[in-house]
């Protein structure tokens, strides 16, 4: 009886872990549209804090939408390391 109860508890804990972890994985796979994202959304990218997120928004407001993902390099302070760290996380549409 103790083994059955122990197995049920372990199963329940594993089930809870799976349920709560699905949101984390969904966020990781969701792409951020750099032509429409808010400062808060852009700040979730690696090496992009609020300061650089604001620069991205200001750049696109002044120059229009980015034509290709690599155009983010035109934003002052954003370099190739930041682009490479986020290339799979950003999109234009």
N, C-alpha and C. Protein backbone atom coordinates (compact mmCIF):
# COMPACT_ATOMS: atom_id res chain seq x y z
N UNK A 1 0.82 -1.19 0.00
CA UNK A 1 0.00 0.00 0.00
C UNK A 1 0.87 1.27 0.00
N UNK A 2 1.98 1.22 0.75
CA UNK A 2 2.87 2.37 0.81
C UNK A 2 3.53 2.61 -0.55
N UNK A 3 3.92 1.52 -1.21
CA UNK A 3 4.55 1.66 -2.53
C UNK A 3 3.57 2.27 -3.53
N UNK A 4 2.34 1.84 -3.49
CA UNK A 4 1.32 2.37 -4.40
C UNK A 4 1.12 3.86 -4.15
N UNK A 5 1.02 4.25 -2.90
CA UNK A 5 0.83 5.66 -2.55
C UNK A 5 2.04 6.48 -2.99
N UNK A 6 3.23 5.94 -2.77
CA UNK A 6 4.46 6.62 -3.16
C UNK A 6 4.51 6.81 -4.68
N UNK A 7 4.13 5.77 -5.42
CA UNK A 7 4.12 5.84 -6.88
C UNK A 7 3.09 6.86 -7.36
N UNK A 8 1.96 6.94 -6.70
CA UNK A 8 0.93 7.91 -7.08
C UNK A 8 1.42 9.33 -6.84
N UNK A 9 2.10 9.56 -5.74
CA UNK A 9 2.63 10.88 -5.44
C UNK A 9 3.68 11.28 -6.47
N UNK A 10 4.57 10.37 -6.77
CA UNK A 10 5.60 10.64 -7.78
C UNK A 10 4.95 10.93 -9.13
N UNK A 11 3.97 10.14 -9.51
CA UNK A 11 3.26 10.37 -10.77
C UNK A 11 2.58 11.72 -10.80
N UNK A 12 1.97 12.12 -9.70
CA UNK A 12 1.31 13.41 -9.62
C UNK A 12 2.31 14.55 -9.75
N UNK A 13 3.45 14.42 -9.08
CA UNK A 13 4.49 15.44 -9.16
C UNK A 13 5.01 15.56 -10.59
N UNK A 14 5.23 14.45 -11.24
CA UNK A 14 5.70 14.48 -12.64
C UNK A 14 4.65 15.12 -13.55
N UNK A 15 3.40 14.81 -13.32
CA UNK A 15 2.32 15.40 -14.11
C UNK A 15 2.29 16.91 -13.93
N UNK A 16 2.41 17.38 -12.70
CA UNK A 16 2.45 18.82 -12.44
C UNK A 16 3.65 19.47 -13.13
N UNK A 17 4.78 18.82 -13.07
CA UNK A 17 5.99 19.36 -13.71
C UNK A 17 5.78 19.51 -15.21
N UNK A 18 5.16 18.52 -15.83
CA UNK A 18 4.91 18.59 -17.28
C UNK A 18 3.93 19.70 -17.61
N UNK A 19 2.89 19.83 -16.84
CA UNK A 19 1.86 20.85 -17.10
C UNK A 19 2.45 22.25 -17.00
N UNK A 20 3.23 22.49 -15.96
CA UNK A 20 3.77 23.83 -15.77
C UNK A 20 4.96 24.12 -16.67
N UNK A 21 5.63 23.13 -17.17
CA UNK A 21 6.77 23.38 -18.04
C UNK A 21 6.36 23.65 -19.47
N UNK A 22 5.16 23.28 -19.89
CA UNK A 22 4.74 23.50 -21.28
C UNK A 22 4.70 24.98 -21.62
N UNK A 23 4.34 25.83 -20.69
CA UNK A 23 4.34 27.27 -20.93
C UNK A 23 5.73 27.79 -21.18
N UNK A 24 6.71 27.27 -20.48
CA UNK A 24 8.09 27.70 -20.65
C UNK A 24 8.57 27.33 -22.04
N UNK A 25 8.30 26.11 -22.47
CA UNK A 25 8.74 25.69 -23.79
C UNK A 25 8.02 26.45 -24.88
N UNK A 26 6.77 26.77 -24.68
CA UNK A 26 6.01 27.53 -25.68
C UNK A 26 6.61 28.92 -25.85
N UNK A 27 7.02 29.55 -24.75
CA UNK A 27 7.62 30.87 -24.84
C UNK A 27 8.94 30.82 -25.59
N UNK A 28 9.71 29.77 -25.38
CA UNK A 28 11.00 29.67 -26.04
C UNK A 28 10.85 29.50 -27.54
N UNK A 29 9.79 28.86 -27.99
CA UNK A 29 9.64 28.64 -29.42
C UNK A 29 8.90 29.77 -30.11
N UNK A 30 8.21 30.63 -29.35
CA UNK A 30 7.50 31.75 -29.95
C UNK A 30 8.50 32.76 -30.47
N UNK A 31 8.28 33.21 -31.70
CA UNK A 31 9.18 34.20 -32.30
C UNK A 31 8.65 35.60 -32.04
N UNK A 32 9.56 36.54 -32.01
CA UNK A 32 9.22 37.94 -31.78
C UNK A 32 9.38 38.70 -33.09
N UNK A 33 8.32 39.37 -33.48
CA UNK A 33 8.33 40.17 -34.70
C UNK A 33 8.97 41.52 -34.37
N UNK A 34 10.18 41.73 -34.88
CA UNK A 34 10.90 42.96 -34.54
C UNK A 34 10.29 44.19 -35.20
N UNK A 35 9.37 44.01 -36.12
CA UNK A 35 8.68 45.14 -36.73
C UNK A 35 7.44 45.56 -35.96
N UNK A 36 6.98 44.75 -35.04
CA UNK A 36 5.75 45.05 -34.30
C UNK A 36 5.90 44.94 -32.79
N UNK A 37 6.94 44.32 -32.31
CA UNK A 37 7.08 44.03 -30.88
C UNK A 37 7.22 45.30 -30.05
N UNK A 38 6.71 45.22 -28.83
CA UNK A 38 6.84 46.31 -27.89
C UNK A 38 8.22 46.25 -27.24
N UNK A 39 8.54 47.29 -26.50
CA UNK A 39 9.81 47.33 -25.76
C UNK A 39 9.89 46.14 -24.81
N UNK A 40 8.78 45.84 -24.15
CA UNK A 40 8.75 44.73 -23.20
C UNK A 40 9.02 43.40 -23.90
N UNK A 41 8.41 43.20 -25.06
CA UNK A 41 8.62 41.95 -25.80
C UNK A 41 10.06 41.84 -26.30
N UNK A 42 10.58 42.93 -26.82
CA UNK A 42 11.95 42.92 -27.33
C UNK A 42 12.96 42.69 -26.20
N UNK A 43 12.62 43.15 -25.01
CA UNK A 43 13.52 42.99 -23.86
C UNK A 43 13.70 41.54 -23.45
N UNK A 44 12.84 40.64 -23.93
CA UNK A 44 12.98 39.23 -23.58
C UNK A 44 14.06 38.54 -24.42
N UNK A 45 14.54 39.20 -25.45
CA UNK A 45 15.60 38.62 -26.27
C UNK A 45 16.92 38.65 -25.51
N UNK A 46 17.81 37.73 -25.87
CA UNK A 46 19.12 37.67 -25.22
C UNK A 46 19.93 38.92 -25.55
N UNK A 47 20.58 39.45 -24.54
CA UNK A 47 21.45 40.62 -24.66
C UNK A 47 20.71 41.89 -25.08
N UNK A 48 19.40 41.89 -24.99
CA UNK A 48 18.60 43.07 -25.33
C UNK A 48 17.85 43.48 -24.06
N UNK A 49 18.31 44.53 -23.44
CA UNK A 49 17.59 45.06 -22.29
C UNK A 49 16.62 46.13 -22.74
N UNK A 50 16.06 46.84 -21.78
CA UNK A 50 15.08 47.88 -22.09
C UNK A 50 15.69 48.99 -22.96
N UNK A 51 16.95 49.31 -22.70
CA UNK A 51 17.62 50.39 -23.45
C UNK A 51 17.72 50.04 -24.94
N UNK A 52 18.20 48.85 -25.24
CA UNK A 52 18.34 48.46 -26.65
C UNK A 52 16.99 48.15 -27.29
N UNK A 53 16.06 47.66 -26.52
CA UNK A 53 14.72 47.43 -27.04
C UNK A 53 14.11 48.76 -27.48
N UNK A 54 14.31 49.79 -26.67
CA UNK A 54 13.81 51.13 -27.03
C UNK A 54 14.50 51.64 -28.29
N UNK A 55 15.78 51.37 -28.43
CA UNK A 55 16.51 51.79 -29.64
C UNK A 55 15.95 51.10 -30.89
N UNK A 56 15.58 49.83 -30.76
CA UNK A 56 14.99 49.10 -31.89
C UNK A 56 13.67 49.76 -32.29
N UNK A 57 12.83 50.05 -31.32
CA UNK A 57 11.54 50.68 -31.60
C UNK A 57 11.75 52.05 -32.25
N UNK A 58 12.64 52.84 -31.71
CA UNK A 58 12.91 54.17 -32.26
C UNK A 58 13.47 54.08 -33.68
N UNK A 59 14.34 53.10 -33.92
CA UNK A 59 14.91 52.92 -35.26
C UNK A 59 13.82 52.62 -36.28
N UNK A 60 12.94 51.69 -35.95
CA UNK A 60 11.90 51.33 -36.93
C UNK A 60 10.87 52.43 -37.10
N UNK A 61 10.62 53.23 -36.06
CA UNK A 61 9.71 54.37 -36.20
C UNK A 61 10.30 55.42 -37.13
N UNK A 62 11.61 55.61 -37.05
CA UNK A 62 12.30 56.62 -37.87
C UNK A 62 12.54 56.13 -39.30
N UNK A 63 12.92 54.84 -39.44
CA UNK A 63 13.36 54.33 -40.74
C UNK A 63 12.39 53.37 -41.42
N UNK A 64 11.30 53.06 -40.77
CA UNK A 64 10.37 52.10 -41.33
C UNK A 64 10.71 50.69 -40.91
N UNK A 65 9.91 49.72 -41.35
CA UNK A 65 10.12 48.33 -40.91
C UNK A 65 11.44 47.75 -41.41
N UNK A 66 11.93 46.81 -40.64
CA UNK A 66 13.14 46.09 -41.05
C UNK A 66 12.79 45.23 -42.26
N UNK A 67 13.65 45.19 -43.24
CA UNK A 67 13.41 44.41 -44.45
C UNK A 67 13.90 42.97 -44.32
N UNK A 68 14.92 42.78 -43.52
CA UNK A 68 15.45 41.44 -43.25
C UNK A 68 15.94 41.41 -41.81
N UNK A 69 16.03 40.23 -41.24
CA UNK A 69 16.42 40.07 -39.84
C UNK A 69 17.78 40.72 -39.58
N UNK A 70 18.69 40.62 -40.51
CA UNK A 70 20.03 41.16 -40.35
C UNK A 70 20.04 42.68 -40.22
N UNK A 71 18.96 43.34 -40.64
CA UNK A 71 18.89 44.80 -40.55
C UNK A 71 18.90 45.29 -39.10
N UNK A 72 18.67 44.40 -38.16
CA UNK A 72 18.74 44.80 -36.75
C UNK A 72 20.15 45.27 -36.39
N UNK A 73 21.13 44.87 -37.19
CA UNK A 73 22.50 45.32 -36.99
C UNK A 73 22.66 46.82 -37.26
N UNK A 74 21.69 47.42 -37.94
CA UNK A 74 21.73 48.85 -38.21
C UNK A 74 21.39 49.68 -36.98
N UNK A 75 20.85 49.03 -35.96
CA UNK A 75 20.54 49.72 -34.70
C UNK A 75 21.85 49.87 -33.93
N UNK A 76 22.19 51.10 -33.58
CA UNK A 76 23.45 51.37 -32.90
C UNK A 76 23.54 50.59 -31.59
N UNK A 77 24.63 49.85 -31.43
CA UNK A 77 24.87 49.09 -30.21
C UNK A 77 24.53 47.61 -30.33
N UNK A 78 23.85 47.23 -31.40
CA UNK A 78 23.51 45.82 -31.59
C UNK A 78 24.48 45.23 -32.60
N UNK A 79 25.20 44.22 -32.16
CA UNK A 79 26.23 43.62 -33.00
C UNK A 79 25.91 42.20 -33.42
N UNK A 80 26.88 41.60 -34.07
CA UNK A 80 26.68 40.25 -34.63
C UNK A 80 26.46 39.20 -33.55
N UNK A 81 27.07 39.35 -32.38
CA UNK A 81 26.87 38.38 -31.30
C UNK A 81 25.41 38.38 -30.84
N UNK A 82 24.84 39.55 -30.72
CA UNK A 82 23.44 39.65 -30.31
C UNK A 82 22.54 39.09 -31.39
N UNK A 83 22.84 39.39 -32.65
CA UNK A 83 22.04 38.83 -33.75
C UNK A 83 22.11 37.32 -33.74
N UNK A 84 23.29 36.76 -33.63
CA UNK A 84 23.44 35.30 -33.63
C UNK A 84 22.72 34.65 -32.45
N UNK A 85 22.73 35.31 -31.31
CA UNK A 85 22.06 34.76 -30.13
C UNK A 85 20.55 34.74 -30.28
N UNK A 86 20.02 35.58 -31.17
CA UNK A 86 18.57 35.73 -31.29
C UNK A 86 18.02 35.40 -32.67
N UNK A 87 18.86 35.03 -33.59
CA UNK A 87 18.44 34.82 -34.97
C UNK A 87 17.25 33.86 -35.10
N UNK A 88 17.22 32.83 -34.28
CA UNK A 88 16.14 31.85 -34.34
C UNK A 88 14.90 32.31 -33.58
N UNK A 89 15.00 33.41 -32.88
CA UNK A 89 13.89 33.89 -32.04
C UNK A 89 13.16 35.07 -32.64
N UNK A 90 13.73 35.69 -33.70
CA UNK A 90 13.09 36.88 -34.26
C UNK A 90 12.58 36.60 -35.67
N UNK A 91 11.57 37.38 -36.02
CA UNK A 91 10.96 37.25 -37.33
C UNK A 91 10.50 38.63 -37.79
N UNK A 92 10.12 38.73 -39.04
CA UNK A 92 9.61 39.98 -39.59
C UNK A 92 8.11 39.95 -39.84
N UNK A 93 7.51 38.79 -39.66
CA UNK A 93 6.06 38.68 -39.91
C UNK A 93 5.38 37.86 -38.85
